[in-house]
């Protein structure tokens, strides 16, 4: 599975931090919504296309958080 993008809500601390990841594996796209940092709880969404996954991510951005895209290292 390859991670393509990562967004963070800009807040520190286990209770406030949220992350969203966009990943792909072949033709399948995955969105992970995580609350609470690396030890937090995650919800996973499967999407049939990159466009559908990006639509899901835009919907997850709704709310008061100030989302920032973090860089992802290119695959080797």
PDB file of N, CA and C in Angstrom:
ATOM      1  N   UNK A   1       0.856  -1.174   0.000  1.00  0.00           N
ATOM      2  CA  UNK A   1       0.000   0.000   0.000  1.00  0.00           C
ATOM      3  C   UNK A   1       0.897   1.230   0.000  1.00  0.00           C
ATOM      4  N   UNK A   2       0.535   2.195  -0.809  1.00  0.00           N
ATOM      5  CA  UNK A   2       1.331   3.416  -0.946  1.00  0.00           C
ATOM      6  C   UNK A   2       0.562   4.620  -0.383  1.00  0.00           C
ATOM      7  N   UNK A   3       1.222   5.365   0.481  1.00  0.00           N
ATOM      8  CA  UNK A   3       0.614   6.587   1.015  1.00  0.00           C
ATOM      9  C   UNK A   3       0.855   7.720   0.037  1.00  0.00           C
ATOM     10  N   UNK A   4      -0.221   8.392  -0.363  1.00  0.00           N
ATOM     11  CA  UNK A   4      -0.109   9.479  -1.329  1.00  0.00           C
ATOM     12  C   UNK A   4      -0.139  10.854  -0.688  1.00  0.00           C
ATOM     13  N   UNK A   5      -1.017  11.052   0.313  1.00  0.00           N
ATOM     14  CA  UNK A   5      -1.136  12.370   0.948  1.00  0.00           C
ATOM     15  C   UNK A   5      -1.456  12.201   2.423  1.00  0.00           C
ATOM     16  N   UNK A   6      -1.176  13.264   3.180  1.00  0.00           N
ATOM     17  CA  UNK A   6      -1.430  13.272   4.622  1.00  0.00           C
ATOM     18  C   UNK A   6      -1.804  14.686   5.016  1.00  0.00           C
ATOM     19  N   UNK A   7      -2.908  14.816   5.738  1.00  0.00           N
ATOM     20  CA  UNK A   7      -3.336  16.117   6.262  1.00  0.00           C
ATOM     21  C   UNK A   7      -3.422  16.030   7.779  1.00  0.00           C
ATOM     22  N   UNK A   8      -3.197  17.161   8.435  1.00  0.00           N
ATOM     23  CA  UNK A   8      -3.201  17.262   9.890  1.00  0.00           C
ATOM     24  C   UNK A   8      -3.999  18.503  10.263  1.00  0.00           C
ATOM     25  N   UNK A   9      -4.750  18.441  11.345  1.00  0.00           N
ATOM     26  CA  UNK A   9      -5.593  19.581  11.723  1.00  0.00           C
ATOM     27  C   UNK A   9      -4.824  20.682  12.448  1.00  0.00           C
ATOM     28  N   UNK A  10      -3.516  20.542  12.621  1.00  0.00           N
ATOM     29  CA  UNK A  10      -2.698  21.598  13.204  1.00  0.00           C
ATOM     30  C   UNK A  10      -2.750  21.686  14.716  1.00  0.00           C
ATOM     31  N   UNK A  11      -3.367  20.708  15.350  1.00  0.00           N
ATOM     32  CA  UNK A  11      -3.487  20.742  16.810  1.00  0.00           C
ATOM     33  C   UNK A  11      -2.625  19.649  17.434  1.00  0.00           C
ATOM     34  N   UNK A  12      -2.028  19.993  18.565  1.00  0.00           N
ATOM     35  CA  UNK A  12      -1.179  19.059  19.292  1.00  0.00           C
ATOM     36  C   UNK A  12      -1.985  18.430  20.425  1.00  0.00           C
ATOM     37  N   UNK A  13      -1.555  17.282  20.852  1.00  0.00           N
ATOM     38  CA  UNK A  13      -2.185  16.624  21.991  1.00  0.00           C
ATOM     39  C   UNK A  13      -3.099  15.501  21.553  1.00  0.00           C
ATOM     40  N   UNK A  14      -3.116  14.480  22.359  1.00  0.00           N
ATOM     41  CA  UNK A  14      -3.869  13.272  22.033  1.00  0.00           C
ATOM     42  C   UNK A  14      -5.351  13.543  21.828  1.00  0.00           C
ATOM     43  N   UNK A  15      -5.924  14.440  22.591  1.00  0.00           N
ATOM     44  CA  UNK A  15      -7.360  14.687  22.494  1.00  0.00           C
ATOM     45  C   UNK A  15      -7.735  15.583  21.316  1.00  0.00           C
ATOM     46  N   UNK A  16      -6.804  16.424  20.849  1.00  0.00           N
ATOM     47  CA  UNK A  16      -7.137  17.410  19.821  1.00  0.00           C
ATOM     48  C   UNK A  16      -6.666  17.026  18.421  1.00  0.00           C
ATOM     49  N   UNK A  17      -5.609  16.231  18.316  1.00  0.00           N
ATOM     50  CA  UNK A  17      -5.004  15.949  17.009  1.00  0.00           C
ATOM     51  C   UNK A  17      -5.896  15.045  16.160  1.00  0.00           C
ATOM     52  N   UNK A  18      -5.957  15.404  14.852  1.00  0.00           N
ATOM     53  CA  UNK A  18      -6.650  14.584  13.864  1.00  0.00           C
ATOM     54  C   UNK A  18      -5.778  14.515  12.612  1.00  0.00           C
ATOM     55  N   UNK A  19      -5.787  13.369  11.970  1.00  0.00           N
ATOM     56  CA  UNK A  19      -5.037  13.162  10.736  1.00  0.00           C
ATOM     57  C   UNK A  19      -5.939  12.490   9.715  1.00  0.00           C
ATOM     58  N   UNK A  20      -5.696  12.789   8.445  1.00  0.00           N
ATOM     59  CA  UNK A  20      -6.367  12.117   7.341  1.00  0.00           C
ATOM     60  C   UNK A  20      -5.291  11.677   6.361  1.00  0.00           C
ATOM     61  N   UNK A  21      -5.363  10.411   5.938  1.00  0.00           N
ATOM     62  CA  UNK A  21      -4.383   9.839   5.022  1.00  0.00           C
ATOM     63  C   UNK A  21      -5.083   9.359   3.763  1.00  0.00           C
ATOM     64  N   UNK A  22      -4.445   9.570   2.626  1.00  0.00           N
ATOM     65  CA  UNK A  22      -4.898   9.028   1.354  1.00  0.00           C
ATOM     66  C   UNK A  22      -3.885   7.976   0.921  1.00  0.00           C
ATOM     67  N   UNK A  23      -4.386   6.757   0.687  1.00  0.00           N
ATOM     68  CA  UNK A  23      -3.502   5.656   0.288  1.00  0.00           C
ATOM     69  C   UNK A  23      -4.100   4.930  -0.907  1.00  0.00           C
ATOM     70  N   UNK A  24      -3.238   4.240  -1.641  1.00  0.00           N
ATOM     71  CA  UNK A  24      -3.690   3.459  -2.786  1.00  0.00           C
ATOM     72  C   UNK A  24      -2.990   2.114  -2.809  1.00  0.00           C
ATOM     73  N   UNK A  25      -3.698   1.135  -3.373  1.00  0.00           N
ATOM     74  CA  UNK A  25      -3.150  -0.197  -3.582  1.00  0.00           C
ATOM     75  C   UNK A  25      -3.765  -0.709  -4.875  1.00  0.00           C
ATOM     76  N   UNK A  26      -3.003  -0.649  -5.953  1.00  0.00           N
ATOM     77  CA  UNK A  26      -3.552  -1.013  -7.259  1.00  0.00           C
ATOM     78  C   UNK A  26      -4.608  -0.005  -7.675  1.00  0.00           C
ATOM     79  N   UNK A  27      -5.795  -0.492  -8.005  1.00  0.00           N
ATOM     80  CA  UNK A  27      -6.891   0.380  -8.423  1.00  0.00           C
ATOM     81  C   UNK A  27      -7.772   0.820  -7.265  1.00  0.00           C
ATOM     82  N   UNK A  28      -7.484   0.364  -6.067  1.00  0.00           N
ATOM     83  CA  UNK A  28      -8.311   0.684  -4.901  1.00  0.00           C
ATOM     84  C   UNK A  28      -7.707   1.847  -4.127  1.00  0.00           C
ATOM     85  N   UNK A  29      -8.557   2.749  -3.653  1.00  0.00           N
ATOM     86  CA  UNK A  29      -8.131   3.915  -2.887  1.00  0.00           C
ATOM     87  C   UNK A  29      -8.687   3.832  -1.481  1.00  0.00           C
ATOM     88  N   UNK A  30      -7.922   4.279  -0.504  1.00  0.00           N
ATOM     89  CA  UNK A  30      -8.302   4.199   0.904  1.00  0.00           C
ATOM     90  C   UNK A  30      -8.104   5.549   1.584  1.00  0.00           C
ATOM     91  N   UNK A  31      -9.052   5.901   2.433  1.00  0.00           N
ATOM     92  CA  UNK A  31      -8.962   7.101   3.252  1.00  0.00           C
ATOM     93  C   UNK A  31      -8.982   6.642   4.705  1.00  0.00           C
ATOM     94  N   UNK A  32      -8.016   7.106   5.487  1.00  0.00           N
ATOM     95  CA  UNK A  32      -7.990   6.832   6.925  1.00  0.00           C
ATOM     96  C   UNK A  32      -8.202   8.151   7.655  1.00  0.00           C
ATOM     97  N   UNK A  33      -9.180   8.173   8.523  1.00  0.00           N
ATOM     98  CA  UNK A  33      -9.441   9.318   9.399  1.00  0.00           C
ATOM     99  C   UNK A  33      -9.042   8.874  10.804  1.00  0.00           C
ATOM    100  N   UNK A  34      -8.026   9.547  11.368  1.00  0.00           N
ATOM    101  CA  UNK A  34      -7.507   9.148  12.684  1.00  0.00           C
ATOM    102  C   UNK A  34      -7.643  10.301  13.672  1.00  0.00           C
ATOM    103  N   UNK A  35      -8.135  10.007  14.857  1.00  0.00           N
ATOM    104  CA  UNK A  35      -8.241  10.984  15.947  1.00  0.00           C
ATOM    105  C   UNK A  35      -7.381  10.506  17.100  1.00  0.00           C
ATOM    106  N   UNK A  36      -6.564  11.404  17.649  1.00  0.00           N
ATOM    107  CA  UNK A  36      -5.774  11.047  18.817  1.00  0.00           C
ATOM    108  C   UNK A  36      -4.331  10.698  18.555  1.00  0.00           C
ATOM    109  N   UNK A  37      -3.785  11.072  17.424  1.00  0.00           N
ATOM    110  CA  UNK A  37      -2.384  10.798  17.147  1.00  0.00           C
ATOM    111  C   UNK A  37      -2.130   9.356  16.779  1.00  0.00           C
ATOM    112  N   UNK A  38      -0.870   8.933  16.861  1.00  0.00           N
ATOM    113  CA  UNK A  38      -0.498   7.598  16.405  1.00  0.00           C
ATOM    114  C   UNK A  38      -1.156   6.475  17.194  1.00  0.00           C
ATOM    115  N   UNK A  39      -1.547   6.735  18.423  1.00  0.00           N
ATOM    116  CA  UNK A  39      -2.227   5.719  19.233  1.00  0.00           C
ATOM    117  C   UNK A  39      -3.745   5.876  19.212  1.00  0.00           C
ATOM    118  N   UNK A  40      -4.247   6.762  18.380  1.00  0.00           N
ATOM    119  CA  UNK A  40      -5.670   7.069  18.364  1.00  0.00           C
ATOM    120  C   UNK A  40      -6.504   6.052  17.613  1.00  0.00           C
ATOM    121  N   UNK A  41      -7.781   6.349  17.536  1.00  0.00           N
ATOM    122  CA  UNK A  41      -8.742   5.490  16.842  1.00  0.00           C
ATOM    123  C   UNK A  41      -8.868   5.924  15.388  1.00  0.00           C
ATOM    124  N   UNK A  42      -8.985   4.945  14.488  1.00  0.00           N
ATOM    125  CA  UNK A  42      -9.083   5.221  13.055  1.00  0.00           C
ATOM    126  C   UNK A  42     -10.387   4.692  12.486  1.00  0.00           C
ATOM    127  N   UNK A  43     -10.862   5.395  11.466  1.00  0.00           N
ATOM    128  CA  UNK A  43     -11.970   4.938  10.639  1.00  0.00           C
ATOM    129  C   UNK A  43     -11.428   4.848   9.222  1.00  0.00           C
ATOM    130  N   UNK A  44     -11.779   3.778   8.520  1.00  0.00           N
ATOM    131  CA  UNK A  44     -11.267   3.540   7.177  1.00  0.00           C
ATOM    132  C   UNK A  44     -12.405   3.556   6.169  1.00  0.00           C
ATOM    133  N   UNK A  45     -12.125   4.131   4.999  1.00  0.00           N
ATOM    134  CA  UNK A  45     -13.097   4.207   3.916  1.00  0.00           C
ATOM    135  C   UNK A  45     -12.427   3.684   2.651  1.00  0.00           C
ATOM    136  N   UNK A  46     -13.102   2.803   1.920  1.00  0.00           N
ATOM    137  CA  UNK A  46     -12.611   2.306   0.639  1.00  0.00           C
ATOM    138  C   UNK A  46     -13.317   3.057  -0.472  1.00  0.00           C
ATOM    139  N   UNK A  47     -12.550   3.441  -1.495  1.00  0.00           N
ATOM    140  CA  UNK A  47     -13.106   4.201  -2.610  1.00  0.00           C
ATOM    141  C   UNK A  47     -12.646   3.558  -3.916  1.00  0.00           C
ATOM    142  N   UNK A  48     -13.478   3.655  -4.949  1.00  0.00           N
ATOM    143  CA  UNK A  48     -13.166   3.037  -6.240  1.00  0.00           C
ATOM    144  C   UNK A  48     -12.261   3.882  -7.129  1.00  0.00           C
ATOM    145  N   UNK A  49     -12.091   5.168  -6.792  1.00  0.00           N
ATOM    146  CA  UNK A  49     -11.260   6.037  -7.622  1.00  0.00           C
ATOM    147  C   UNK A  49     -10.610   7.106  -6.748  1.00  0.00           C
ATOM    148  N   UNK A  50      -9.585   7.736  -7.296  1.00  0.00           N
ATOM    149  CA  UNK A  50      -8.926   8.827  -6.577  1.00  0.00           C
ATOM    150  C   UNK A  50      -9.901   9.985  -6.375  1.00  0.00           C
ATOM    151  N   UNK A  51     -10.704  10.282  -7.393  1.00  0.00           N
ATOM    152  CA  UNK A  51     -11.678  11.373  -7.272  1.00  0.00           C
ATOM    153  C   UNK A  51     -12.673  11.113  -6.145  1.00  0.00           C
ATOM    154  N   UNK A  52     -13.152   9.874  -6.035  1.00  0.00           N
ATOM    155  CA  UNK A  52     -14.088   9.531  -4.958  1.00  0.00           C
ATOM    156  C   UNK A  52     -13.414   9.674  -3.600  1.00  0.00           C
ATOM    157  N   UNK A  53     -12.144   9.266  -3.511  1.00  0.00           N
ATOM    158  CA  UNK A  53     -11.409   9.389  -2.250  1.00  0.00           C
ATOM    159  C   UNK A  53     -11.212  10.860  -1.882  1.00  0.00           C
ATOM    160  N   UNK A  54     -10.886  11.698  -2.857  1.00  0.00           N
ATOM    161  CA  UNK A  54     -10.700  13.128  -2.587  1.00  0.00           C
ATOM    162  C   UNK A  54     -12.022  13.789  -2.197  1.00  0.00           C
ATOM    163  N   UNK A  55     -13.127  13.347  -2.787  1.00  0.00           N
ATOM    164  CA  UNK A  55     -14.442  13.851  -2.369  1.00  0.00           C
ATOM    165  C   UNK A  55     -14.712  13.499  -0.912  1.00  0.00           C
ATOM    166  N   UNK A  56     -14.367  12.277  -0.512  1.00  0.00           N
ATOM    167  CA  UNK A  56     -14.536  11.845   0.880  1.00  0.00           C
ATOM    168  C   UNK A  56     -13.686  12.714   1.808  1.00  0.00           C
ATOM    169  N   UNK A  57     -12.466  12.971   1.411  1.00  0.00           N
ATOM    170  CA  UNK A  57     -11.563  13.792   2.225  1.00  0.00           C
ATOM    171  C   UNK A  57     -12.099  15.214   2.369  1.00  0.00           C
ATOM    172  N   UNK A  58     -12.583  15.792   1.283  1.00  0.00           N
ATOM    173  CA  UNK A  58     -13.159  17.145   1.364  1.00  0.00           C
ATOM    174  C   UNK A  58     -14.332  17.170   2.341  1.00  0.00           C
ATOM    175  N   UNK A  59     -15.133  16.127   2.353  1.00  0.00           N
ATOM    176  CA  UNK A  59     -16.259  16.053   3.296  1.00  0.00           C
ATOM    177  C   UNK A  59     -15.745  15.960   4.732  1.00  0.00           C
ATOM    178  N   UNK A  60     -14.633  15.257   4.944  1.00  0.00           N
ATOM    179  CA  UNK A  60     -14.070  15.111   6.292  1.00  0.00           C
ATOM    180  C   UNK A  60     -13.445  16.418   6.781  1.00  0.00           C
ATOM    181  N   UNK A  61     -13.071  17.307   5.861  1.00  0.00           N
ATOM    182  CA  UNK A  61     -12.481  18.592   6.240  1.00  0.00           C
ATOM    183  C   UNK A  61     -13.498  19.548   6.858  1.00  0.00           C
ATOM    184  N   UNK A  62     -14.783  19.284   6.700  1.00  0.00           N
ATOM    185  CA  UNK A  62     -15.809  20.186   7.235  1.00  0.00           C
ATOM    186  C   UNK A  62     -15.658  20.340   8.740  1.00  0.00           C
ATOM    187  N   UNK A  63     -15.801  21.552   9.216  1.00  0.00           N
ATOM    188  CA  UNK A  63     -15.680  21.825  10.644  1.00  0.00           C
ATOM    189  C   UNK A  63     -14.704  22.944  10.906  1.00  0.00           C
ATOM    190  N   UNK A  64     -14.418  23.179  12.173  1.00  0.00           N
ATOM    191  CA  UNK A  64     -13.604  24.339  12.554  1.00  0.00           C
ATOM    192  C   UNK A  64     -12.090  24.146  12.400  1.00  0.00           C
ATOM    193  N   UNK A  65     -11.631  22.941  12.095  1.00  0.00           N
ATOM    194  CA  UNK A  65     -10.185  22.690  12.044  1.00  0.00           C
ATOM    195  C   UNK A  65      -9.531  23.371  10.853  1.00  0.00           C
ATOM    196  N   UNK A  66      -8.253  23.729  11.022  1.00  0.00           N
ATOM    197  CA  UNK A  66      -7.444  24.359   9.987  1.00  0.00           C
ATOM    198  C   UNK A  66      -6.510  23.295   9.412  1.00  0.00           C
ATOM    199  N   UNK A  67      -6.983  22.557   8.415  1.00  0.00           N
ATOM    200  CA  UNK A  67      -6.231  21.427   7.880  1.00  0.00           C
ATOM    201  C   UNK A  67      -5.019  21.881   7.080  1.00  0.00           C
ATOM    202  N   UNK A  68      -3.905  21.147   7.251  1.00  0.00           N
ATOM    203  CA  UNK A  68      -2.652  21.419   6.541  1.00  0.00           C
ATOM    204  C   UNK A  68      -2.179  20.128   5.896  1.00  0.00           C
ATOM    205  N   UNK A  69      -1.751  20.237   4.654  1.00  0.00           N
ATOM    206  CA  UNK A  69      -1.193  19.064   3.993  1.00  0.00           C
ATOM    207  C   UNK A  69       0.267  18.924   4.404  1.00  0.00           C
ATOM    208  N   UNK A  70       0.640  17.735   4.825  1.00  0.00           N
ATOM    209  CA  UNK A  70       2.020  17.432   5.167  1.00  0.00           C
ATOM    210  C   UNK A  70       2.657  16.706   4.000  1.00  0.00           C
ATOM    211  N   UNK A  71       3.940  16.909   3.812  1.00  0.00           N
ATOM    212  CA  UNK A  71       4.621  16.269   2.694  1.00  0.00           C
ATOM    213  C   UNK A  71       4.751  14.778   2.943  1.00  0.00           C
ATOM    214  N   UNK A  72       4.737  14.059   1.857  1.00  0.00           N
ATOM    215  CA  UNK A  72       4.901  12.605   1.885  1.00  0.00           C
ATOM    216  C   UNK A  72       6.121  12.286   1.051  1.00  0.00           C
ATOM    217  N   UNK A  73       6.974  11.422   1.546  1.00  0.00           N
ATOM    218  CA  UNK A  73       8.176  11.034   0.784  1.00  0.00           C
ATOM    219  C   UNK A  73       7.774  10.258  -0.455  1.00  0.00           C
ATOM    220  N   UNK A  74       8.404  10.544  -1.587  1.00  0.00           N
ATOM    221  CA  UNK A  74       8.080   9.785  -2.804  1.00  0.00           C
ATOM    222  C   UNK A  74       8.492   8.329  -2.645  1.00  0.00           C
ATOM    223  N   UNK A  75       7.772   7.416  -3.322  1.00  0.00           N
ATOM    224  CA  UNK A  75       8.128   5.998  -3.222  1.00  0.00           C
ATOM    225  C   UNK A  75       9.508   5.736  -3.813  1.00  0.00           C
ATOM    226  N   UNK A  76      10.186   4.730  -3.288  1.00  0.00           N
ATOM    227  CA  UNK A  76      11.533   4.378  -3.779  1.00  0.00           C
ATOM    228  C   UNK A  76      11.447   3.389  -4.906  1.00  0.00           C
TER     229      UNK A  76
END
